[in-house]
Amino acid sequence: MATETEPTVLKREEEEDDNSRPAADDEDTGAQIAPIVQLQEVAVTTGEENEDVLLELKSKLYRFDKDGNQWKERGVGIVKLLKHKETGKVRLVMRQNKTLKICANHLVLSTMTVQEHQGNDKSCVWHAADFSDGELKDETFAIRFASVENCKTFKDMIAEIAEAQTTDNGESEEGKTAASLIEKLSVGAKDEEEKPESKAAPSSSAEKKGENENPEASAEK
């Protein structure tokens, strides 16, 4: 004889089976929904299109605050040394990772020197005329790398670029000096050629002047 609890148990089992079955996938109706806003592709320029990358290293940059007499963090990102394809000038550029805000942007000049920072072989400091804030400012920077090797690579690359620029400037100065010497020699040669004519000219003019000054005296004689 079936008990009264059997229908209840079967019903529960059927409900559990129904719940355990996977839900039917959403049917694809083939309808196409147009986007609400139409976006156009925009060409993004970084200003680095005409430059070749000489060095890229992940680092953390600091700037010395003269008013507060303390170091302030500028950001974490990739420091780059970029060489212009036409002018050959090299600049240091660094952007923050997330915001891409420029935290350093200055030329690497022949007078730029990078030194170790307070005995820390992973950090170094230097001075530069920076333009990252939209105006030229004399700044003191400190940069920290993840390894000693990266810091050494950075310092060696800066020293190499500065030395190359010193050599280029020296060659240009020699060229200017040679050009000025050649110009002086050519001017001196012209002067020597003109000197005999200049000496003869006054005598002839003096004779003419004497003849014209006293015509009566010459007539009396």
Protein backbone atom coordinates (compact mmCIF):
# COMPACT_ATOMS: atom_id res chain seq x y z
CA MET A 1 0.00 0.00 0.00
CA ALA A 2 1.42 3.37 -1.03
CA THR A 3 1.91 5.85 1.69
CA GLU A 4 0.81 9.48 1.56
CA THR A 5 4.41 10.67 1.50
CA GLU A 6 5.31 8.99 -1.84
CA PRO A 7 3.56 11.56 -4.12
CA THR A 8 5.26 14.34 -2.26
CA VAL A 9 8.66 12.74 -2.61
CA LEU A 10 8.18 12.09 -6.33
CA LYS A 11 7.05 15.64 -6.89
CA ARG A 12 10.13 16.96 -5.18
CA GLU A 13 12.33 14.70 -7.27
CA GLU A 14 10.67 15.95 -10.47
CA GLU A 15 11.18 19.55 -9.42
CA GLU A 16 14.83 18.86 -8.66
CA ASP A 17 15.28 17.26 -12.09
CA ASP A 18 13.73 20.27 -13.74
CA ASN A 19 16.01 22.61 -11.82
CA SER A 20 19.10 20.58 -12.63
CA ARG A 21 18.48 20.76 -16.40
CA PRO A 22 20.54 23.47 -18.12
CA ALA A 23 18.63 26.49 -19.25
CA ALA A 24 18.11 26.82 -22.95
CA ASP A 25 20.56 29.12 -24.70
CA ASP A 26 19.31 32.48 -25.85
CA GLU A 27 18.11 32.13 -29.37
CA ASP A 28 19.81 34.27 -32.01
CA THR A 29 17.08 36.22 -33.76
CA GLY A 30 19.49 37.69 -36.31
CA ALA A 31 18.52 41.24 -35.41
CA GLN A 32 21.30 43.83 -35.63
CA ILE A 33 21.44 46.61 -33.07
CA ALA A 34 23.11 49.81 -34.23
CA PRO A 35 25.42 51.59 -31.75
CA ILE A 36 24.00 54.66 -30.11
CA VAL A 37 27.14 56.76 -30.66
CA GLN A 38 29.27 56.58 -33.76
CA LEU A 39 32.98 56.94 -32.91
CA GLN A 40 35.57 57.88 -35.48
CA GLU A 41 39.17 56.79 -35.47
CA VAL A 42 41.52 59.54 -34.36
CA ALA A 43 45.22 59.53 -35.18
CA VAL A 44 47.21 59.91 -31.98
CA THR A 45 50.65 61.48 -32.20
CA THR A 46 53.24 61.26 -29.45
CA GLY A 47 55.81 63.63 -30.92
CA GLU A 48 58.28 60.75 -31.15
CA GLU A 49 57.53 59.76 -34.75
CA ASN A 50 60.73 61.34 -36.15
CA GLU A 51 62.99 59.91 -33.45
CA ASP A 52 64.83 56.63 -32.97
CA VAL A 53 64.81 54.94 -29.56
CA LEU A 54 68.31 54.51 -28.17
CA LEU A 55 67.32 53.26 -24.72
CA GLU A 56 64.17 52.20 -22.84
CA LEU A 57 64.25 51.33 -19.14
CA LYS A 58 61.60 51.05 -16.45
CA SER A 59 62.34 53.41 -13.59
CA LYS A 60 61.05 55.74 -10.90
CA LEU A 61 61.75 59.46 -11.21
CA TYR A 62 62.12 62.11 -8.50
CA ARG A 63 62.50 65.88 -8.63
CA PHE A 64 64.20 67.99 -5.96
CA ASP A 65 61.90 70.66 -4.54
CA LYS A 66 64.05 73.67 -3.66
CA ASP A 67 61.29 75.39 -1.67
CA GLY A 68 60.55 72.36 0.48
CA ASN A 69 64.17 71.16 0.44
CA GLN A 70 63.10 67.58 -0.28
CA TRP A 71 62.74 65.01 -3.05
CA LYS A 72 59.31 64.60 -4.61
CA GLU A 73 58.18 61.67 -6.71
CA ARG A 74 57.41 62.48 -10.35
CA GLY A 75 56.14 59.08 -11.39
CA VAL A 76 56.88 55.51 -12.40
CA GLY A 77 57.28 54.75 -16.09
CA ILE A 78 59.66 54.11 -18.98
CA VAL A 79 62.57 56.50 -19.40
CA LYS A 80 63.64 56.86 -23.04
CA LEU A 81 66.60 58.32 -24.87
CA LEU A 82 65.42 59.45 -28.31
CA LYS A 83 67.59 60.61 -31.22
CA HIS A 84 66.09 62.85 -33.89
CA LYS A 85 66.48 61.45 -37.39
CA GLU A 86 67.31 64.81 -39.01
CA THR A 87 69.06 66.97 -36.42
CA GLY A 88 70.76 64.14 -34.53
CA LYS A 89 69.87 65.72 -31.18
CA VAL A 90 69.13 63.37 -28.29
CA ARG A 91 66.54 64.04 -25.62
CA LEU A 92 65.41 62.29 -22.45
CA VAL A 93 61.68 61.65 -22.17
CA MET A 94 59.72 59.89 -19.45
CA ARG A 95 55.96 59.40 -19.10
CA GLN A 96 53.92 58.05 -16.21
CA ASN A 97 52.60 54.54 -16.79
CA LYS A 98 48.87 55.08 -16.24
CA THR A 99 48.27 58.72 -17.11
CA LEU A 100 51.03 59.01 -19.77
CA LYS A 101 51.78 62.44 -18.34
CA ILE A 102 55.26 63.71 -19.21
CA CYS A 103 57.42 63.91 -16.09
CA ALA A 104 60.77 64.62 -17.80
CA ASN A 105 61.57 66.13 -21.19
CA HIS A 106 64.96 67.71 -21.90
CA LEU A 107 67.91 67.54 -24.27
CA VAL A 108 71.02 65.56 -23.45
CA LEU A 109 73.76 68.18 -23.82
CA SER A 110 77.53 67.83 -23.80
CA THR A 111 77.63 69.44 -20.34
CA MET A 112 75.25 66.90 -18.77
CA THR A 113 76.80 64.56 -16.20
CA VAL A 114 75.08 61.75 -14.28
CA GLN A 115 76.38 60.85 -10.81
CA GLU A 116 75.61 58.15 -8.28
CA HIS A 117 73.02 59.20 -5.69
CA GLN A 118 74.21 59.03 -2.07
CA GLY A 119 76.04 55.75 -2.40
CA ASN A 120 73.02 53.95 -3.90
CA ASP A 121 74.25 52.01 -6.93
CA LYS A 122 70.69 51.71 -8.30
CA SER A 123 70.05 55.47 -8.36
CA CYS A 124 71.69 58.48 -9.98
CA VAL A 125 71.18 62.25 -10.17
CA TRP A 126 71.72 65.00 -12.75
CA HIS A 127 70.83 68.62 -13.59
CA ALA A 128 69.00 69.71 -16.74
CA ALA A 129 66.90 72.48 -18.29
CA ASP A 130 63.58 70.62 -18.37
CA PHE A 131 60.48 71.43 -20.43
CA SER A 132 57.99 68.88 -19.06
CA ASP A 133 55.75 71.56 -17.47
CA GLY A 134 55.51 73.66 -20.63
CA GLU A 135 58.26 76.10 -19.67
CA LEU A 136 62.02 75.77 -19.40
CA LYS A 137 63.16 75.19 -15.81
CA ASP A 138 66.46 74.22 -14.22
CA GLU A 139 65.69 70.96 -12.42
CA THR A 140 67.59 68.40 -10.38
CA PHE A 141 66.42 64.85 -11.08
CA ALA A 142 67.02 61.54 -9.37
CA ILE A 143 66.11 58.23 -10.97
CA ARG A 144 66.00 54.74 -9.48
CA PHE A 145 66.18 51.50 -11.44
CA ALA A 146 65.29 47.94 -10.56
CA SER A 147 68.88 46.71 -10.93
CA VAL A 148 72.45 47.93 -10.81
CA GLU A 149 72.95 46.89 -14.43
CA ASN A 150 70.14 49.16 -15.66
CA CYS A 151 71.52 52.11 -13.73
CA LYS A 152 75.00 51.55 -15.16
CA THR A 153 73.59 51.20 -18.68
CA PHE A 154 71.75 54.51 -18.27
CA LYS A 155 74.83 56.37 -17.01
CA ASP A 156 77.11 54.92 -19.68
CA MET A 157 74.66 55.85 -22.45
CA ILE A 158 74.37 59.45 -21.21
CA ALA A 159 78.16 59.75 -20.98
CA GLU A 160 78.57 58.36 -24.49
CA ILE A 161 76.04 60.81 -25.96
CA ALA A 162 77.56 63.79 -24.15
CA GLU A 163 81.06 62.85 -25.34
CA ALA A 164 79.86 62.46 -28.93
CA GLN A 165 78.29 65.91 -28.83
CA THR A 166 81.49 67.39 -27.43
CA THR A 167 83.40 65.87 -30.35
CA ASP A 168 80.90 67.22 -32.86
CA ASN A 169 81.08 70.68 -31.34
CA GLY A 170 84.88 70.54 -31.43
CA GLU A 171 84.87 69.62 -35.11
CA SER A 172 82.50 72.45 -35.90
CA GLU A 173 84.70 74.92 -34.00
CA GLU A 174 87.75 73.71 -35.93
CA GLY A 175 85.82 74.20 -39.14
CA LYS A 176 84.91 77.74 -38.15
CA THR A 177 88.53 78.49 -37.21
CA ALA A 178 89.81 77.14 -40.52
CA ALA A 179 87.24 79.16 -42.43
CA SER A 180 88.23 82.35 -40.60
CA LEU A 181 91.93 81.73 -41.32
CA ILE A 182 91.22 81.19 -44.99
CA GLU A 183 89.20 84.40 -45.06
CA LYS A 184 92.04 86.34 -43.42
CA LEU A 185 94.57 84.97 -45.89
CA SER A 186 92.39 85.92 -48.84
CA VAL A 187 91.85 89.41 -47.44
CA GLY A 188 95.59 89.81 -46.83
CA ALA A 189 96.38 88.78 -50.39
CA LYS A 190 93.93 91.32 -51.75
CA ASP A 191 95.48 94.05 -49.61
CA GLU A 192 98.95 93.25 -50.92
CA GLU A 193 97.72 93.43 -54.50
CA GLU A 194 96.06 96.80 -53.90
CA LYS A 195 98.99 98.40 -52.05
CA PRO A 196 101.16 99.37 -55.15
CA GLU A 197 98.18 100.99 -56.81
CA SER A 198 97.30 102.90 -53.67
CA LYS A 199 100.85 104.28 -53.40
CA ALA A 200 100.93 105.43 -57.02
CA ALA A 201 97.57 107.11 -56.82
CA PRO A 202 98.46 109.75 -54.21
CA SER A 203 101.59 110.87 -56.09
CA SER A 204 99.75 111.39 -59.33
CA SER A 205 96.97 113.18 -57.58
CA ALA A 206 99.44 115.35 -55.71
CA GLU A 207 101.10 116.33 -58.97
CA LYS A 208 97.77 117.19 -60.51
CA LYS A 209 96.86 119.11 -57.39
CA GLY A 210 100.09 121.09 -57.53
CA GLU A 211 99.55 121.95 -61.14
CA ASN A 212 96.03 123.13 -60.53
CA GLU A 213 96.72 125.03 -57.29
CA ASN A 214 99.26 127.61 -58.73
CA PRO A 215 98.63 128.11 -62.40
CA GLU A 216 99.87 131.72 -62.20
CA ALA A 217 103.15 130.68 -60.61
CA SER A 218 103.84 128.20 -63.33
CA ALA A 219 103.00 130.86 -65.93
CA GLU A 220 105.42 133.38 -64.35
CA LYS A 221 108.20 130.83 -64.44
